[in-house]
Amino acid sequence: MNIPFVKMHGIGNDFILLKRQDFPDASQDQKLAEMVCQRHFGIGADGMMVAEASEIADVKMLYYNADGSQGEMCGNGIRCFAHYVLAEKLVPEKSVLRIQTLLDIREVNIHRYEFSSSMVKVYMGKPVVRSLELPITVDGEIIQLADLTVGVPHTVLLEPELEVHRVETLGPKIEKMAHFPRGTNVNFARIHDRSNVSVMTWERGAGHTLACGTGICSVCIVLYQKGMVENRINVTAEGGQLTIEIDKDNGIYMTGPGQVIARGNYIGKGL
């Protein structure tokens, strides 16, 4: 089986994108995601997206993490997805797309569209904040974190410095704590000033990734509600930069790029 694919990244968060008509058996989506996202025996990616027809929006996006688990939404992914469906002519060429996800319908504004990249602004919705100061204990260390949902569950830790070792040590432990029955993404944030923040993320189902769009949004809304940043923040992740804007009703807008890496055919042996 040859499955046409496009590989893209959104500030280092990389994805495999394909069309339902090229892989009709949806019951095999999770298995395919595990196979194509494997970095040694597959193509390699943080996640996989499938484009399907939608009866209520311009197009439907199904998202799978690298471990095959299905995610409700993906912030960096939806920017790449918007470019993909335009490039593949799955939707009419226009500046605003309505994309159906498992969570809801997201409105996506295409600020710039070129052959291999786009600049995209997405309304990410309003957060559900459960706690801005939740104390937990990990390996004897008491940690204060924020617990919230921006599309998917997130926690936010404010750090004096960002360290890979700390992300990869604390991240998997917090992700699977009993307090978070659906698992959680774990975001480590450092404030530079009221308009500039750095973030590192341990993603639920994917591990340490170079960026997480919903995670960056989570960091910004937590810091904004704490009065520590302005309502427009430049956020630097390991893979690049996003701009986050927060309106008077706590609605979150994310602007950033989607970049094509490669196009090809995956030989779906074993499917």
C-alpha atoms as a PDB file:
ATOM      1  CA  MET A   1       0.000   0.000   0.000  1.00  0.00           C
ATOM      2  CA  ASN A   2       1.401   3.398  -1.017  1.00  0.00           C
ATOM      3  CA  ILE A   3      -0.053   6.288   0.997  1.00  0.00           C
ATOM      4  CA  PRO A   4       0.704   9.821  -0.264  1.00  0.00           C
ATOM      5  CA  PHE A   5       1.732  12.108   2.595  1.00  0.00           C
ATOM      6  CA  VAL A   6       3.070  15.555   3.347  1.00  0.00           C
ATOM      7  CA  LYS A   7       5.332  16.194   6.315  1.00  0.00           C
ATOM      8  CA  MET A   8       5.113  19.657   7.893  1.00  0.00           C
ATOM      9  CA  HIS A   9       6.191  21.432  11.040  1.00  0.00           C
ATOM     10  CA  GLY A  10       4.858  24.280  13.122  1.00  0.00           C
ATOM     11  CA  ILE A  11       7.872  25.804  14.918  1.00  0.00           C
ATOM     12  CA  GLY A  12       9.467  22.372  15.245  1.00  0.00           C
ATOM     13  CA  ASN A  13       6.317  20.410  16.136  1.00  0.00           C
ATOM     14  CA  ASP A  14       6.259  17.982  13.179  1.00  0.00           C
ATOM     15  CA  PHE A  15       3.354  16.122  11.609  1.00  0.00           C
ATOM     16  CA  ILE A  16       2.413  13.660   8.888  1.00  0.00           C
ATOM     17  CA  LEU A  17      -0.667  14.757   6.924  1.00  0.00           C
ATOM     18  CA  LEU A  18      -2.787  12.620   4.607  1.00  0.00           C
ATOM     19  CA  LYS A  19      -6.227  12.459   2.992  1.00  0.00           C
ATOM     20  CA  ARG A  20      -8.967  10.006   3.920  1.00  0.00           C
ATOM     21  CA  GLN A  21      -9.411   9.011   0.273  1.00  0.00           C
ATOM     22  CA  ASP A  22      -5.792   7.822   0.253  1.00  0.00           C
ATOM     23  CA  PHE A  23      -6.322   5.733   3.415  1.00  0.00           C
ATOM     24  CA  PRO A  24      -9.998   4.717   3.535  1.00  0.00           C
ATOM     25  CA  ASP A  25      -9.856   2.329   6.516  1.00  0.00           C
ATOM     26  CA  ALA A  26     -10.346   4.687   9.479  1.00  0.00           C
ATOM     27  CA  SER A  27     -10.215   1.732  11.897  1.00  0.00           C
ATOM     28  CA  GLN A  28      -6.477   1.545  11.182  1.00  0.00           C
ATOM     29  CA  ASP A  29      -5.746   5.238  11.851  1.00  0.00           C
ATOM     30  CA  GLN A  30      -4.208   4.683  15.274  1.00  0.00           C
ATOM     31  CA  LYS A  31      -1.978   1.872  14.054  1.00  0.00           C
ATOM     32  CA  LEU A  32      -0.886   3.959  11.076  1.00  0.00           C
ATOM     33  CA  ALA A  33      -0.072   6.907  13.346  1.00  0.00           C
ATOM     34  CA  GLU A  34       2.212   4.736  15.479  1.00  0.00           C
ATOM     35  CA  MET A  35       3.936   3.418  12.362  1.00  0.00           C
ATOM     36  CA  VAL A  36       4.481   6.648  10.449  1.00  0.00           C
ATOM     37  CA  CYS A  37       5.482   8.689  13.519  1.00  0.00           C
ATOM     38  CA  GLN A  38       8.171   6.208  14.575  1.00  0.00           C
ATOM     39  CA  ARG A  39      11.466   8.039  14.019  1.00  0.00           C
ATOM     40  CA  HIS A  40      13.621   5.005  13.161  1.00  0.00           C
ATOM     41  CA  PHE A  41      11.283   2.653  11.301  1.00  0.00           C
ATOM     42  CA  GLY A  42       8.715   5.186  10.075  1.00  0.00           C
ATOM     43  CA  ILE A  43       8.809   8.705   8.684  1.00  0.00           C
ATOM     44  CA  GLY A  44       9.121  10.325  12.091  1.00  0.00           C
ATOM     45  CA  ALA A  45       6.796  12.921  13.620  1.00  0.00           C
ATOM     46  CA  ASP A  46       5.098  14.125  16.791  1.00  0.00           C
ATOM     47  CA  GLY A  47       1.669  13.375  15.354  1.00  0.00           C
ATOM     48  CA  MET A  48      -0.472  12.497  12.339  1.00  0.00           C
ATOM     49  CA  MET A  49      -3.481  14.284  10.853  1.00  0.00           C
ATOM     50  CA  VAL A  50      -6.129  12.963   8.485  1.00  0.00           C
ATOM     51  CA  ALA A  51      -8.254  15.297   6.343  1.00  0.00           C
ATOM     52  CA  GLU A  52     -11.878  14.233   5.894  1.00  0.00           C
ATOM     53  CA  ALA A  53     -14.989  15.781   4.393  1.00  0.00           C
ATOM     54  CA  SER A  54     -17.190  17.665   6.863  1.00  0.00           C
ATOM     55  CA  GLU A  55     -20.925  18.320   6.754  1.00  0.00           C
ATOM     56  CA  ILE A  56     -20.700  21.257   9.159  1.00  0.00           C
ATOM     57  CA  ALA A  57     -17.417  22.994   8.247  1.00  0.00           C
ATOM     58  CA  ASP A  58     -15.046  23.389   5.304  1.00  0.00           C
ATOM     59  CA  VAL A  59     -13.090  20.272   6.274  1.00  0.00           C
ATOM     60  CA  LYS A  60     -12.568  17.893   9.219  1.00  0.00           C
ATOM     61  CA  MET A  61      -9.255  17.289  10.991  1.00  0.00           C
ATOM     62  CA  LEU A  62      -8.529  14.071  12.880  1.00  0.00           C
ATOM     63  CA  TYR A  63      -5.406  14.222  15.037  1.00  0.00           C
ATOM     64  CA  TYR A  64      -3.354  11.351  16.474  1.00  0.00           C
ATOM     65  CA  ASN A  65      -0.345  11.524  18.790  1.00  0.00           C
ATOM     66  CA  ALA A  66       2.834   9.604  18.039  1.00  0.00           C
ATOM     67  CA  ASP A  67       1.746   6.801  20.391  1.00  0.00           C
ATOM     68  CA  GLY A  68      -1.486   6.323  18.429  1.00  0.00           C
ATOM     69  CA  SER A  69      -3.739   8.001  20.976  1.00  0.00           C
ATOM     70  CA  GLN A  70      -6.262  10.449  19.557  1.00  0.00           C
ATOM     71  CA  GLY A  71      -6.156  14.113  20.542  1.00  0.00           C
ATOM     72  CA  GLU A  72      -9.092  16.486  20.492  1.00  0.00           C
ATOM     73  CA  MET A  73      -7.125  19.337  18.915  1.00  0.00           C
ATOM     74  CA  CYS A  74      -3.579  20.467  18.152  1.00  0.00           C
ATOM     75  CA  GLY A  75      -2.574  24.127  17.968  1.00  0.00           C
ATOM     76  CA  ASN A  76       0.580  23.825  15.882  1.00  0.00           C
ATOM     77  CA  GLY A  77      -1.059  21.044  13.904  1.00  0.00           C
ATOM     78  CA  ILE A  78      -4.118  23.012  12.835  1.00  0.00           C
ATOM     79  CA  ARG A  79      -1.932  25.721  11.272  1.00  0.00           C
ATOM     80  CA  CYS A  80      -0.140  23.065   9.211  1.00  0.00           C
ATOM     81  CA  PHE A  81      -3.462  21.417   8.420  1.00  0.00           C
ATOM     82  CA  ALA A  82      -4.870  24.683   7.048  1.00  0.00           C
ATOM     83  CA  HIS A  83      -1.919  24.980   4.649  1.00  0.00           C
ATOM     84  CA  TYR A  84      -2.217  21.325   3.658  1.00  0.00           C
ATOM     85  CA  VAL A  85      -5.907  21.383   2.722  1.00  0.00           C
ATOM     86  CA  LEU A  86      -5.361  24.530   0.634  1.00  0.00           C
ATOM     87  CA  ALA A  87      -2.310  23.065  -1.124  1.00  0.00           C
ATOM     88  CA  GLU A  88      -4.119  19.789  -1.829  1.00  0.00           C
ATOM     89  CA  LYS A  89      -7.182  21.720  -3.070  1.00  0.00           C
ATOM     90  CA  LEU A  90      -9.447  19.987  -0.566  1.00  0.00           C
ATOM     91  CA  VAL A  91     -11.144  23.339   0.093  1.00  0.00           C
ATOM     92  CA  PRO A  92     -11.722  26.421  -2.072  1.00  0.00           C
ATOM     93  CA  GLU A  93      -8.873  28.941  -1.879  1.00  0.00           C
ATOM     94  CA  LYS A  94      -9.924  31.595   0.626  1.00  0.00           C
ATOM     95  CA  SER A  95      -8.504  33.533   3.544  1.00  0.00           C
ATOM     96  CA  VAL A  96     -10.739  32.102   6.294  1.00  0.00           C
ATOM     97  CA  LEU A  97     -11.320  28.382   6.866  1.00  0.00           C
ATOM     98  CA  ARG A  98     -13.675  26.640   9.270  1.00  0.00           C
ATOM     99  CA  ILE A  99     -12.057  23.407  10.440  1.00  0.00           C
ATOM    100  CA  GLN A 100     -13.986  20.764  12.346  1.00  0.00           C
ATOM    101  CA  THR A 101     -12.026  19.039  15.131  1.00  0.00           C
ATOM    102  CA  LEU A 102     -13.148  16.544  17.755  1.00  0.00           C
ATOM    103  CA  LEU A 103     -13.391  19.492  20.119  1.00  0.00           C
ATOM    104  CA  ASP A 104     -15.343  22.010  18.046  1.00  0.00           C
ATOM    105  CA  ILE A 105     -15.110  24.079  14.865  1.00  0.00           C
ATOM    106  CA  ARG A 106     -12.078  26.371  14.712  1.00  0.00           C
ATOM    107  CA  GLU A 107     -11.886  29.481  12.545  1.00  0.00           C
ATOM    108  CA  VAL A 108      -8.501  29.844  10.874  1.00  0.00           C
ATOM    109  CA  ASN A 109      -7.283  33.013   9.139  1.00  0.00           C
ATOM    110  CA  ILE A 110      -4.633  32.594   6.453  1.00  0.00           C
ATOM    111  CA  HIS A 111      -2.463  35.720   6.685  1.00  0.00           C
ATOM    112  CA  ARG A 112       0.063  34.531   4.074  1.00  0.00           C
ATOM    113  CA  TYR A 113      -0.067  31.506   1.787  1.00  0.00           C
ATOM    114  CA  GLU A 114       2.885  30.370  -0.327  1.00  0.00           C
ATOM    115  CA  PHE A 115       3.866  27.074  -1.965  1.00  0.00           C
ATOM    116  CA  SER A 116       5.799  25.695   0.992  1.00  0.00           C
ATOM    117  CA  SER A 117       4.634  27.751   3.972  1.00  0.00           C
ATOM    118  CA  SER A 118       1.836  29.817   5.469  1.00  0.00           C
ATOM    119  CA  MET A 119       1.372  32.311   8.283  1.00  0.00           C
ATOM    120  CA  VAL A 120      -1.849  31.449  10.097  1.00  0.00           C
ATOM    121  CA  LYS A 121      -3.931  32.949  12.902  1.00  0.00           C
ATOM    122  CA  VAL A 122      -6.236  30.649  14.856  1.00  0.00           C
ATOM    123  CA  TYR A 123      -8.884  31.393  17.450  1.00  0.00           C
ATOM    124  CA  MET A 124      -8.045  28.906  20.193  1.00  0.00           C
ATOM    125  CA  GLY A 125     -11.146  29.449  22.318  1.00  0.00           C
ATOM    126  CA  LYS A 126     -11.443  30.262  26.004  1.00  0.00           C
ATOM    127  CA  PRO A 127      -9.607  28.351  28.709  1.00  0.00           C
ATOM    128  CA  VAL A 128     -11.128  26.332  31.495  1.00  0.00           C
ATOM    129  CA  VAL A 129      -8.922  27.139  34.481  1.00  0.00           C
ATOM    130  CA  ARG A 130      -9.303  24.726  37.396  1.00  0.00           C
ATOM    131  CA  SER A 131      -6.491  26.119  39.525  1.00  0.00           C
ATOM    132  CA  LEU A 132      -3.759  28.729  39.158  1.00  0.00           C
ATOM    133  CA  GLU A 133      -1.878  27.376  42.194  1.00  0.00           C
ATOM    134  CA  LEU A 134      -2.200  23.618  42.597  1.00  0.00           C
ATOM    135  CA  PRO A 135       0.427  22.076  44.916  1.00  0.00           C
ATOM    136  CA  ILE A 136       1.706  18.635  43.930  1.00  0.00           C
ATOM    137  CA  THR A 137       4.618  16.544  45.177  1.00  0.00           C
ATOM    138  CA  VAL A 138       7.022  14.846  42.764  1.00  0.00           C
ATOM    139  CA  ASP A 139       9.992  12.893  44.123  1.00  0.00           C
ATOM    140  CA  GLY A 140       9.731  14.808  47.385  1.00  0.00           C
ATOM    141  CA  GLU A 141       9.661  18.232  45.689  1.00  0.00           C
ATOM    142  CA  ILE A 142       6.564  20.375  46.284  1.00  0.00           C
ATOM    143  CA  ILE A 143       5.644  22.081  43.004  1.00  0.00           C
ATOM    144  CA  GLN A 144       3.051  24.804  42.434  1.00  0.00           C
ATOM    145  CA  LEU A 145       1.431  24.489  39.028  1.00  0.00           C
ATOM    146  CA  ALA A 146      -1.612  25.726  37.154  1.00  0.00           C
ATOM    147  CA  ASP A 147      -4.184  23.166  36.010  1.00  0.00           C
ATOM    148  CA  LEU A 148      -6.333  24.078  33.002  1.00  0.00           C
ATOM    149  CA  THR A 149      -7.715  23.084  29.624  1.00  0.00           C
ATOM    150  CA  VAL A 150      -7.099  24.902  26.360  1.00  0.00           C
ATOM    151  CA  GLY A 151      -8.673  22.383  24.029  1.00  0.00           C
ATOM    152  CA  VAL A 152      -6.750  19.622  25.793  1.00  0.00           C
ATOM    153  CA  PRO A 153      -5.523  19.333  29.411  1.00  0.00           C
ATOM    154  CA  HIS A 154      -2.443  21.298  30.450  1.00  0.00           C
ATOM    155  CA  THR A 155      -0.377  22.136  33.482  1.00  0.00           C
ATOM    156  CA  VAL A 156       1.965  25.137  33.720  1.00  0.00           C
ATOM    157  CA  LEU A 157       5.062  25.450  35.910  1.00  0.00           C
ATOM    158  CA  LEU A 158       6.856  28.782  36.282  1.00  0.00           C
ATOM    159  CA  GLU A 159      10.626  28.245  36.307  1.00  0.00           C
ATOM    160  CA  PRO A 160      13.618  30.564  36.914  1.00  0.00           C
ATOM    161  CA  GLU A 161      15.503  28.764  34.099  1.00  0.00           C
ATOM    162  CA  LEU A 162      14.422  26.205  31.500  1.00  0.00           C
ATOM    163  CA  GLU A 163      16.339  22.925  31.580  1.00  0.00           C
ATOM    164  CA  VAL A 164      15.883  19.906  29.291  1.00  0.00           C
ATOM    165  CA  HIS A 165      16.710  17.506  32.134  1.00  0.00           C
ATOM    166  CA  ARG A 166      13.937  18.930  34.292  1.00  0.00           C
ATOM    167  CA  VAL A 167      11.413  18.711  31.432  1.00  0.00           C
ATOM    168  CA  GLU A 168      12.308  15.094  30.710  1.00  0.00           C
ATOM    169  CA  THR A 169      12.360  14.113  34.396  1.00  0.00           C
ATOM    170  CA  LEU A 170       9.257  15.863  35.728  1.00  0.00           C
ATOM    171  CA  GLY A 171       7.238  15.836  32.491  1.00  0.00           C
ATOM    172  CA  PRO A 172       6.417  12.113  32.248  1.00  0.00           C
ATOM    173  CA  LYS A 173       5.722  11.863  35.978  1.00  0.00           C
ATOM    174  CA  ILE A 174       3.274  14.786  36.046  1.00  0.00           C
ATOM    175  CA  GLU A 175       1.650  13.657  32.765  1.00  0.00           C
ATOM    176  CA  LYS A 176       0.493  10.376  34.315  1.00  0.00           C
ATOM    177  CA  MET A 177      -0.336  11.491  37.865  1.00  0.00           C
ATOM    178  CA  ALA A 178      -3.625  10.166  39.245  1.00  0.00           C
ATOM    179  CA  HIS A 179      -4.798  13.767  39.653  1.00  0.00           C
ATOM    180  CA  PHE A 180      -5.004  13.965  35.840  1.00  0.00           C
ATOM    181  CA  PRO A 181      -7.123  10.979  34.779  1.00  0.00           C
ATOM    182  CA  ARG A 182      -6.902  11.864  31.061  1.00  0.00           C
ATOM    183  CA  GLY A 183      -3.190  12.615  31.333  1.00  0.00           C
ATOM    184  CA  THR A 184      -1.891  16.145  30.918  1.00  0.00           C
ATOM    185  CA  ASN A 185       0.578  18.171  28.878  1.00  0.00           C
ATOM    186  CA  VAL A 186       3.269  19.727  31.054  1.00  0.00           C
ATOM    187  CA  ASN A 187       4.571  23.217  30.194  1.00  0.00           C
ATOM    188  CA  PHE A 188       7.618  24.857  31.737  1.00  0.00           C
ATOM    189  CA  ALA A 189       7.658  28.667  31.417  1.00  0.00           C
ATOM    190  CA  ARG A 190      10.202  31.428  31.997  1.00  0.00           C
ATOM    191  CA  ILE A 191       9.226  35.125  31.931  1.00  0.00           C
ATOM    192  CA  HIS A 192      11.737  37.530  30.349  1.00  0.00           C
ATOM    193  CA  ASP A 193       9.547  40.629  30.564  1.00  0.00           C
ATOM    194  CA  ARG A 194       5.840  41.484  30.267  1.00  0.00           C
ATOM    195  CA  SER A 195       5.792  40.793  26.531  1.00  0.00           C
ATOM    196  CA  ASN A 196       8.299  37.948  26.120  1.00  0.00           C
ATOM    197  CA  VAL A 197       8.199  34.412  27.494  1.00  0.00           C
ATOM    198  CA  SER A 198      10.058  31.154  26.805  1.00  0.00           C
ATOM    199  CA  VAL A 199       8.399  27.727  27.010  1.00  0.00           C
ATOM    200  CA  MET A 200       9.449  24.084  26.960  1.00  0.00           C
ATOM    201  CA  THR A 201       6.846  21.306  26.834  1.00  0.00           C
ATOM    202  CA  TRP A 202       6.377  17.643  27.647  1.00  0.00           C
ATOM    203  CA  GLU A 203       3.396  16.583  25.502  1.00  0.00           C
ATOM    204  CA  ARG A 204       0.883  13.955  26.498  1.00  0.00           C
ATOM    205  CA  GLY A 205       1.367  11.000  24.155  1.00  0.00           C
ATOM    206  CA  ALA A 206       4.390  12.488  22.373  1.00  0.00           C
ATOM    207  CA  GLY A 207       7.021  13.299  25.008  1.00  0.00           C
ATOM    208  CA  HIS A 208       9.446  16.224  24.873  1.00  0.00           C
ATOM    209  CA  THR A 209       8.621  18.174  21.722  1.00  0.00           C
ATOM    210  CA  LEU A 210      10.112  21.363  20.279  1.00  0.00           C
ATOM    211  CA  ALA A 211       6.811  23.230  20.613  1.00  0.00           C
ATOM    212  CA  CYS A 212       3.155  22.835  21.603  1.00  0.00           C
ATOM    213  CA  GLY A 213       0.614  25.399  20.391  1.00  0.00           C
ATOM    214  CA  THR A 214      -2.078  24.731  22.974  1.00  0.00           C
ATOM    215  CA  GLY A 215       0.645  24.553  25.618  1.00  0.00           C
ATOM    216  CA  ILE A 216       1.972  27.982  24.672  1.00  0.00           C
ATOM    217  CA  CYS A 217      -1.579  29.344  24.831  1.00  0.00           C
ATOM    218  CA  SER A 218      -1.982  27.769  28.274  1.00  0.00           C
ATOM    219  CA  VAL A 219       1.184  29.407  29.556  1.00  0.00           C
ATOM    220  CA  CYS A 220       0.092  32.826  28.291  1.00  0.00           C
ATOM    221  CA  ILE A 221      -3.410  32.720  29.757  1.00  0.00           C
ATOM    222  CA  VAL A 222      -2.066  31.587  33.144  1.00  0.00           C
ATOM    223  CA  LEU A 223       0.541  34.358  33.273  1.00  0.00           C
ATOM    224  CA  TYR A 224      -2.015  36.900  32.033  1.00  0.00           C
ATOM    225  CA  GLN A 225      -4.561  35.944  34.679  1.00  0.00           C
ATOM    226  CA  LYS A 226      -1.810  36.227  37.296  1.00  0.00           C
ATOM    227  CA  GLY A 227      -1.070  39.768  36.051  1.00  0.00           C
ATOM    228  CA  MET A 228       2.478  38.892  35.035  1.00  0.00           C
ATOM    229  CA  VAL A 229       2.276  39.658  31.272  1.00  0.00           C
ATOM    230  CA  GLU A 230       0.394  41.914  28.850  1.00  0.00           C
ATOM    231  CA  ASN A 231      -2.394  40.649  26.581  1.00  0.00           C
ATOM    232  CA  ARG A 232      -0.042  40.304  23.570  1.00  0.00           C
ATOM    233  CA  ILE A 233       2.928  38.021  24.176  1.00  0.00           C
ATOM    234  CA  ASN A 234       5.797  36.820  22.012  1.00  0.00           C
ATOM    235  CA  VAL A 235       6.568  33.242  22.997  1.00  0.00           C
ATOM    236  CA  THR A 236       9.791  31.446  22.118  1.00  0.00           C
ATOM    237  CA  ALA A 237       9.724  27.655  22.072  1.00  0.00           C
ATOM    238  CA  GLU A 238      12.660  25.428  21.187  1.00  0.00           C
ATOM    239  CA  GLY A 239      11.501  25.272  17.569  1.00  0.00           C
ATOM    240  CA  GLY A 240      10.490  28.879  16.941  1.00  0.00           C
ATOM    241  CA  GLN A 241       8.176  31.685  17.956  1.00  0.00           C
ATOM    242  CA  LEU A 242       4.432  32.295  18.203  1.00  0.00           C
ATOM    243  CA  THR A 243       2.463  35.429  19.012  1.00  0.00           C
ATOM    244  CA  ILE A 244      -0.434  35.024  21.436  1.00  0.00           C
ATOM    245  CA  GLU A 245      -3.185  37.615  21.922  1.00  0.00           C
ATOM    246  CA  ILE A 246      -5.837  37.528  24.653  1.00  0.00           C
ATOM    247  CA  ASP A 247      -9.063  39.509  24.288  1.00  0.00           C
ATOM    248  CA  LYS A 248     -11.186  41.091  27.043  1.00  0.00           C
ATOM    249  CA  ASP A 249     -13.216  37.885  27.410  1.00  0.00           C
ATOM    250  CA  ASN A 250     -10.106  35.689  27.793  1.00  0.00           C
ATOM    251  CA  GLY A 251     -10.406  34.419  24.225  1.00  0.00           C
ATOM    252  CA  ILE A 252      -7.017  33.315  22.904  1.00  0.00           C
ATOM    253  CA  TYR A 253      -5.617  33.945  19.404  1.00  0.00           C
ATOM    254  CA  MET A 254      -2.469  32.229  18.155  1.00  0.00           C
ATOM    255  CA  THR A 255      -0.429  33.395  15.144  1.00  0.00           C
ATOM    256  CA  GLY A 256       2.456  31.425  13.673  1.00  0.00           C
ATOM    257  CA  PRO A 257       3.841  29.546  10.653  1.00  0.00           C
ATOM    258  CA  GLY A 258       3.248  26.170   9.059  1.00  0.00           C
ATOM    259  CA  GLN A 259       6.139  24.870   6.941  1.00  0.00           C
ATOM    260  CA  VAL A 260       6.325  21.991   4.441  1.00  0.00           C
ATOM    261  CA  ILE A 261       9.276  19.632   4.982  1.00  0.00           C
ATOM    262  CA  ALA A 262       8.681  16.860   2.455  1.00  0.00           C
ATOM    263  CA  ARG A 263       6.187  15.096   0.214  1.00  0.00           C
ATOM    264  CA  GLY A 264       6.217  11.402  -0.582  1.00  0.00           C
ATOM    265  CA  ASN A 265       4.571   7.992  -0.374  1.00  0.00           C
ATOM    266  CA  TYR A 266       4.549   5.804   2.722  1.00  0.00           C
ATOM    267  CA  ILE A 267       4.697   2.064   2.065  1.00  0.00           C
ATOM    268  CA  GLY A 268       2.089   0.851   4.532  1.00  0.00           C
ATOM    269  CA  LYS A 269       3.516  -2.616   5.091  1.00  0.00           C
ATOM    270  CA  GLY A 270       1.583  -4.487   7.772  1.00  0.00           C
ATOM    271  CA  LEU A 271      -1.664  -2.545   7.420  1.00  0.00           C
END
